[in-house]
Amino acid sequence: MGRKTTDPASRPRPENGSAAVRVPGAIVRSEQGRDRFRTFAVIALDPENTTAPLVIADGRLHPKAQRKHKNPAHLSLVGMPVESDRKRLTEGAEDGEIAEICSRYEKLPGNGKSPLDKRDQNVL
């Protein structure tokens, strides 16, 4: 017998909150790549880029001038900032403001995968 084909709509969705990650102003953590475990802000969406439609920045490693495109499957949602911060992020915050907003979320308890989480547990 041949393989059964399944409708793509019936496949299970990833549990990393990728739908919420697609909201400009969201604070996300990179789960893949050389910037793994870093905290970023979603500053825009690029619908023309089908593989990496999210435009992210952290104000330090990736300032607005060197913003990064990232695939939402490689990100996890950390949190949604208050409305005033979200508005600043989407309407052109400076690098210092982006770094300050992202740094607030770096201190939140992680998912146990970060080297910082292991240091706090004295596992290193």
N, C-alpha and C. Protein backbone atom coordinates (compact mmCIF):
# COMPACT_ATOMS: atom_id res chain seq x y z
N MET A 1 0.82 -1.18 0.00
CA MET A 1 0.00 0.00 0.00
C MET A 1 0.87 1.24 0.00
N GLY A 2 0.34 2.27 -0.59
CA GLY A 2 1.06 3.55 -0.63
C GLY A 2 0.88 4.32 0.67
N ARG A 3 1.64 5.37 0.77
CA ARG A 3 1.53 6.21 1.95
C ARG A 3 0.24 7.01 1.93
N LYS A 4 -0.30 7.21 3.11
CA LYS A 4 -1.48 8.04 3.22
C LYS A 4 -1.06 9.50 3.14
N THR A 5 -1.80 10.27 2.40
CA THR A 5 -1.52 11.70 2.37
C THR A 5 -2.48 12.38 3.33
N THR A 6 -1.95 13.34 4.04
CA THR A 6 -2.78 14.07 4.99
C THR A 6 -2.92 15.51 4.54
N ASP A 7 -4.01 16.07 4.88
CA ASP A 7 -4.26 17.46 4.58
C ASP A 7 -3.36 18.31 5.48
N PRO A 8 -2.61 19.30 4.91
CA PRO A 8 -1.73 20.11 5.75
C PRO A 8 -2.47 20.83 6.88
N ALA A 9 -3.72 21.15 6.69
CA ALA A 9 -4.47 21.84 7.73
C ALA A 9 -4.73 20.94 8.93
N SER A 10 -4.69 19.62 8.73
CA SER A 10 -4.95 18.69 9.84
C SER A 10 -3.70 18.33 10.63
N ARG A 11 -2.53 18.76 10.17
CA ARG A 11 -1.30 18.46 10.88
C ARG A 11 -1.23 19.25 12.18
N PRO A 12 -0.60 18.68 13.21
CA PRO A 12 -0.49 19.42 14.47
C PRO A 12 0.39 20.65 14.29
N ARG A 13 0.01 21.69 14.96
CA ARG A 13 0.75 22.95 14.92
C ARG A 13 1.87 22.93 15.95
N PRO A 14 2.97 23.66 15.69
CA PRO A 14 4.03 23.72 16.69
C PRO A 14 3.55 24.39 17.96
N GLU A 15 4.09 23.96 19.08
CA GLU A 15 3.66 24.46 20.38
C GLU A 15 4.43 25.68 20.84
N ASN A 16 5.29 26.24 19.98
CA ASN A 16 6.14 27.35 20.42
C ASN A 16 5.44 28.69 20.32
N GLY A 17 4.17 28.74 20.06
CA GLY A 17 3.44 30.00 20.01
C GLY A 17 3.77 30.82 18.78
N SER A 18 4.03 30.15 17.64
CA SER A 18 4.47 30.88 16.46
C SER A 18 3.44 31.87 15.96
N ALA A 19 2.16 31.68 16.23
CA ALA A 19 1.16 32.66 15.81
C ALA A 19 1.33 33.94 16.62
N ALA A 20 1.57 33.83 17.91
CA ALA A 20 1.77 35.00 18.76
C ALA A 20 3.11 35.67 18.46
N VAL A 21 4.08 34.90 18.00
CA VAL A 21 5.39 35.44 17.68
C VAL A 21 5.29 36.40 16.50
N ARG A 22 4.31 36.23 15.65
CA ARG A 22 4.17 37.05 14.45
C ARG A 22 3.58 38.43 14.70
N VAL A 23 3.40 38.81 15.93
CA VAL A 23 2.83 40.12 16.27
C VAL A 23 3.95 41.13 16.44
N PRO A 24 3.96 42.22 15.66
CA PRO A 24 4.99 43.23 15.89
C PRO A 24 4.91 43.77 17.32
N GLY A 25 6.07 43.89 17.94
CA GLY A 25 6.13 44.33 19.32
C GLY A 25 6.29 43.20 20.31
N ALA A 26 6.18 41.95 19.86
CA ALA A 26 6.35 40.80 20.75
C ALA A 26 7.82 40.66 21.14
N ILE A 27 8.07 40.13 22.32
CA ILE A 27 9.42 39.84 22.78
C ILE A 27 9.62 38.33 22.63
N VAL A 28 10.67 37.95 21.92
CA VAL A 28 10.90 36.54 21.58
C VAL A 28 12.30 36.12 21.97
N ARG A 29 12.49 34.82 22.10
CA ARG A 29 13.81 34.24 22.35
C ARG A 29 14.16 33.34 21.17
N SER A 30 15.37 33.51 20.67
CA SER A 30 15.83 32.68 19.56
C SER A 30 16.12 31.27 20.08
N GLU A 31 15.63 30.27 19.36
CA GLU A 31 15.85 28.87 19.73
C GLU A 31 16.80 28.16 18.78
N GLN A 32 17.17 28.81 17.67
CA GLN A 32 18.05 28.20 16.68
C GLN A 32 19.04 29.23 16.18
N GLY A 33 20.19 28.77 15.73
CA GLY A 33 21.17 29.64 15.10
C GLY A 33 22.23 30.14 16.07
N ARG A 34 23.10 30.98 15.56
CA ARG A 34 24.21 31.47 16.38
C ARG A 34 23.76 32.41 17.47
N ASP A 35 22.55 32.95 17.34
CA ASP A 35 22.02 33.86 18.35
C ASP A 35 21.07 33.13 19.31
N ARG A 36 21.20 31.82 19.42
CA ARG A 36 20.35 31.02 20.29
C ARG A 36 20.39 31.56 21.72
N PHE A 37 19.26 31.57 22.37
CA PHE A 37 19.06 32.04 23.75
C PHE A 37 19.03 33.56 23.89
N ARG A 38 19.24 34.31 22.83
CA ARG A 38 19.18 35.77 22.92
C ARG A 38 17.74 36.23 22.85
N THR A 39 17.45 37.36 23.48
CA THR A 39 16.11 37.93 23.51
C THR A 39 16.04 39.07 22.50
N PHE A 40 14.98 39.07 21.69
CA PHE A 40 14.79 40.05 20.63
C PHE A 40 13.38 40.62 20.70
N ALA A 41 13.20 41.74 20.02
CA ALA A 41 11.88 42.32 19.84
C ALA A 41 11.52 42.20 18.36
N VAL A 42 10.29 41.80 18.08
CA VAL A 42 9.80 41.78 16.70
C VAL A 42 9.44 43.22 16.36
N ILE A 43 10.17 43.81 15.42
CA ILE A 43 9.91 45.21 15.10
C ILE A 43 9.09 45.40 13.83
N ALA A 44 9.00 44.37 13.00
CA ALA A 44 8.20 44.49 11.77
C ALA A 44 7.98 43.10 11.18
N LEU A 45 7.08 43.05 10.21
CA LEU A 45 6.84 41.84 9.41
C LEU A 45 7.20 42.15 7.97
N ASP A 46 7.81 41.20 7.29
CA ASP A 46 8.17 41.36 5.88
C ASP A 46 7.44 40.28 5.09
N PRO A 47 6.25 40.58 4.56
CA PRO A 47 5.47 39.56 3.87
C PRO A 47 6.12 39.06 2.57
N GLU A 48 7.05 39.82 2.02
CA GLU A 48 7.72 39.39 0.79
C GLU A 48 8.75 38.29 1.05
N ASN A 49 9.25 38.20 2.26
CA ASN A 49 10.23 37.19 2.63
C ASN A 49 9.46 36.00 3.20
N THR A 50 9.30 34.95 2.41
CA THR A 50 8.45 33.82 2.82
C THR A 50 9.14 32.89 3.81
N THR A 51 10.46 32.79 3.78
CA THR A 51 11.14 31.86 4.70
C THR A 51 11.44 32.48 6.05
N ALA A 52 11.69 33.78 6.09
CA ALA A 52 11.99 34.46 7.34
C ALA A 52 11.26 35.81 7.37
N PRO A 53 9.96 35.78 7.62
CA PRO A 53 9.17 37.02 7.51
C PRO A 53 9.27 37.97 8.70
N LEU A 54 9.86 37.54 9.80
CA LEU A 54 9.92 38.41 10.97
C LEU A 54 11.21 39.22 10.97
N VAL A 55 11.08 40.50 11.26
CA VAL A 55 12.23 41.38 11.37
C VAL A 55 12.43 41.64 12.86
N ILE A 56 13.59 41.22 13.38
CA ILE A 56 13.85 41.33 14.81
C ILE A 56 15.10 42.16 15.06
N ALA A 57 15.17 42.73 16.25
CA ALA A 57 16.35 43.48 16.67
C ALA A 57 16.43 43.42 18.18
N ASP A 58 17.65 43.59 18.71
CA ASP A 58 17.81 43.63 20.16
C ASP A 58 18.49 44.90 20.63
N GLY A 59 18.87 45.77 19.70
CA GLY A 59 19.49 47.03 20.05
C GLY A 59 20.97 46.95 20.33
N ARG A 60 21.54 45.76 20.41
CA ARG A 60 22.96 45.59 20.70
C ARG A 60 23.64 44.80 19.58
N LEU A 61 23.52 43.48 19.60
CA LEU A 61 24.13 42.65 18.56
C LEU A 61 23.48 42.93 17.20
N HIS A 62 22.18 43.11 17.20
CA HIS A 62 21.44 43.43 15.99
C HIS A 62 20.65 44.72 16.20
N PRO A 63 21.31 45.88 16.00
CA PRO A 63 20.58 47.14 16.10
C PRO A 63 19.65 47.30 14.90
N LYS A 64 18.85 48.36 14.91
CA LYS A 64 17.89 48.57 13.82
C LYS A 64 18.57 48.64 12.46
N ALA A 65 19.75 49.21 12.41
CA ALA A 65 20.46 49.33 11.13
C ALA A 65 20.91 47.96 10.61
N GLN A 66 21.10 46.99 11.50
CA GLN A 66 21.52 45.64 11.11
C GLN A 66 20.51 44.62 11.60
N ARG A 67 19.24 44.94 11.45
CA ARG A 67 18.19 44.04 11.93
C ARG A 67 18.27 42.70 11.22
N LYS A 68 17.64 41.72 11.81
CA LYS A 68 17.75 40.34 11.35
C LYS A 68 16.39 39.82 10.94
N HIS A 69 16.35 39.05 9.86
CA HIS A 69 15.13 38.33 9.46
C HIS A 69 15.22 36.94 10.06
N LYS A 70 14.11 36.48 10.62
CA LYS A 70 14.13 35.19 11.31
C LYS A 70 12.84 34.43 11.02
N ASN A 71 12.96 33.13 10.91
CA ASN A 71 11.83 32.23 10.73
C ASN A 71 11.09 32.10 12.06
N PRO A 72 9.76 32.27 12.09
CA PRO A 72 9.04 32.18 13.37
C PRO A 72 9.14 30.81 14.03
N ALA A 73 9.42 29.77 13.27
CA ALA A 73 9.57 28.44 13.86
C ALA A 73 10.82 28.35 14.73
N HIS A 74 11.75 29.28 14.54
CA HIS A 74 13.00 29.27 15.31
C HIS A 74 12.95 30.20 16.51
N LEU A 75 11.77 30.70 16.84
CA LEU A 75 11.60 31.63 17.95
C LEU A 75 10.55 31.12 18.92
N SER A 76 10.67 31.50 20.17
CA SER A 76 9.61 31.21 21.14
C SER A 76 9.20 32.54 21.79
N LEU A 77 7.94 32.64 22.10
CA LEU A 77 7.40 33.85 22.69
C LEU A 77 7.81 33.95 24.14
N VAL A 78 8.39 35.09 24.53
CA VAL A 78 8.76 35.34 25.91
C VAL A 78 7.67 36.15 26.58
N GLY A 79 7.16 37.16 25.89
CA GLY A 79 6.11 37.98 26.47
C GLY A 79 5.68 39.09 25.54
N MET A 80 4.62 39.75 25.94
CA MET A 80 4.11 40.91 25.22
C MET A 80 4.28 42.12 26.12
N PRO A 81 5.03 43.12 25.67
CA PRO A 81 5.20 44.29 26.51
C PRO A 81 3.91 45.10 26.63
N VAL A 82 3.90 46.03 27.56
CA VAL A 82 2.74 46.89 27.72
C VAL A 82 2.54 47.68 26.42
N GLU A 83 1.33 48.19 26.24
CA GLU A 83 0.96 48.84 24.98
C GLU A 83 1.91 49.98 24.60
N SER A 84 2.34 50.78 25.57
CA SER A 84 3.22 51.91 25.24
C SER A 84 4.58 51.43 24.70
N ASP A 85 5.13 50.37 25.29
CA ASP A 85 6.39 49.82 24.78
C ASP A 85 6.20 49.17 23.42
N ARG A 86 5.09 48.48 23.23
CA ARG A 86 4.82 47.83 21.94
C ARG A 86 4.71 48.88 20.84
N LYS A 87 4.07 49.98 21.15
CA LYS A 87 3.92 51.06 20.18
C LYS A 87 5.28 51.66 19.84
N ARG A 88 6.14 51.85 20.86
CA ARG A 88 7.48 52.38 20.61
C ARG A 88 8.28 51.44 19.72
N LEU A 89 8.16 50.13 19.95
CA LEU A 89 8.91 49.17 19.15
C LEU A 89 8.49 49.18 17.69
N THR A 90 7.20 49.29 17.44
CA THR A 90 6.71 49.21 16.07
C THR A 90 6.78 50.53 15.33
N GLU A 91 6.91 51.64 16.06
CA GLU A 91 6.92 52.94 15.40
C GLU A 91 8.30 53.58 15.36
N GLY A 92 9.34 52.83 15.61
CA GLY A 92 10.68 53.37 15.42
C GLY A 92 11.42 53.73 16.69
N ALA A 93 11.51 52.82 17.62
CA ALA A 93 12.29 53.05 18.84
C ALA A 93 13.77 53.09 18.49
N GLU A 94 14.53 53.82 19.27
CA GLU A 94 15.98 53.86 19.10
C GLU A 94 16.59 52.58 19.67
N ASP A 95 17.85 52.32 19.30
CA ASP A 95 18.52 51.09 19.73
C ASP A 95 18.58 50.97 21.25
N GLY A 96 18.82 52.06 21.95
CA GLY A 96 18.87 52.02 23.41
C GLY A 96 17.54 51.62 24.01
N GLU A 97 16.44 52.10 23.43
CA GLU A 97 15.11 51.74 23.93
C GLU A 97 14.81 50.27 23.67
N ILE A 98 15.19 49.79 22.49
CA ILE A 98 14.98 48.37 22.16
C ILE A 98 15.78 47.50 23.13
N ALA A 99 17.03 47.85 23.36
CA ALA A 99 17.88 47.08 24.28
C ALA A 99 17.31 47.08 25.69
N GLU A 100 16.78 48.22 26.13
CA GLU A 100 16.22 48.32 27.48
C GLU A 100 14.97 47.46 27.62
N ILE A 101 14.11 47.48 26.61
CA ILE A 101 12.88 46.67 26.66
C ILE A 101 13.23 45.19 26.63
N CYS A 102 14.16 44.79 25.77
CA CYS A 102 14.56 43.38 25.69
C CYS A 102 15.23 42.92 26.99
N SER A 103 16.01 43.79 27.62
CA SER A 103 16.72 43.39 28.84
C SER A 103 15.76 43.09 29.99
N ARG A 104 14.60 43.73 30.01
CA ARG A 104 13.61 43.42 31.05
C ARG A 104 13.15 41.97 30.96
N TYR A 105 13.07 41.44 29.74
CA TYR A 105 12.57 40.08 29.54
C TYR A 105 13.67 39.03 29.63
N GLU A 106 14.93 39.41 29.55
CA GLU A 106 16.03 38.45 29.70
C GLU A 106 16.10 37.92 31.12
N LYS A 107 15.61 38.68 32.07
CA LYS A 107 15.69 38.30 33.47
C LYS A 107 14.55 37.39 33.91
N LEU A 108 13.58 37.16 33.03
CA LEU A 108 12.47 36.27 33.37
C LEU A 108 12.96 34.83 33.43
N PRO A 109 12.33 33.98 34.22
CA PRO A 109 12.72 32.57 34.24
C PRO A 109 12.64 31.97 32.84
N GLY A 110 13.67 31.24 32.48
CA GLY A 110 13.75 30.71 31.12
C GLY A 110 13.08 29.37 30.98
N ASN A 111 13.43 28.72 29.88
CA ASN A 111 12.83 27.44 29.57
C ASN A 111 13.73 26.28 29.96
N GLY A 112 14.78 26.55 30.72
CA GLY A 112 15.67 25.48 31.17
C GLY A 112 16.74 25.11 30.18
N LYS A 113 16.73 25.71 28.98
CA LYS A 113 17.72 25.37 27.96
C LYS A 113 18.88 26.35 27.94
N SER A 114 18.69 27.51 28.51
CA SER A 114 19.71 28.54 28.47
C SER A 114 20.86 28.21 29.42
N PRO A 115 22.09 28.52 29.02
CA PRO A 115 23.20 28.34 29.95
C PRO A 115 23.02 29.16 31.22
N LEU A 116 22.32 30.29 31.13
CA LEU A 116 22.07 31.09 32.32
C LEU A 116 21.16 30.37 33.29
N ASP A 117 20.18 29.62 32.78
CA ASP A 117 19.29 28.85 33.64
C ASP A 117 20.08 27.78 34.39
N LYS A 118 21.02 27.15 33.71
CA LYS A 118 21.82 26.09 34.35
C LYS A 118 22.76 26.68 35.40
N ARG A 119 23.28 27.88 35.15
CA ARG A 119 24.16 28.51 36.12
C ARG A 119 23.41 28.77 37.42
N ASP A 120 22.15 29.20 37.29
CA ASP A 120 21.35 29.47 38.48
C ASP A 120 21.05 28.21 39.28
N GLN A 121 21.10 27.06 38.65
CA GLN A 121 20.84 25.79 39.32
C GLN A 121 22.13 25.12 39.78
N ASN A 122 23.28 25.79 39.60
CA ASN A 122 24.59 25.26 39.96
C ASN A 122 24.89 23.94 39.27
N VAL A 123 24.51 23.83 37.99
CA VAL A 123 24.72 22.61 37.23
C VAL A 123 26.01 22.69 36.45
N LEU A 124 26.50 23.88 36.17
CA LEU A 124 27.70 24.02 35.33
C LEU A 124 28.93 23.47 35.96
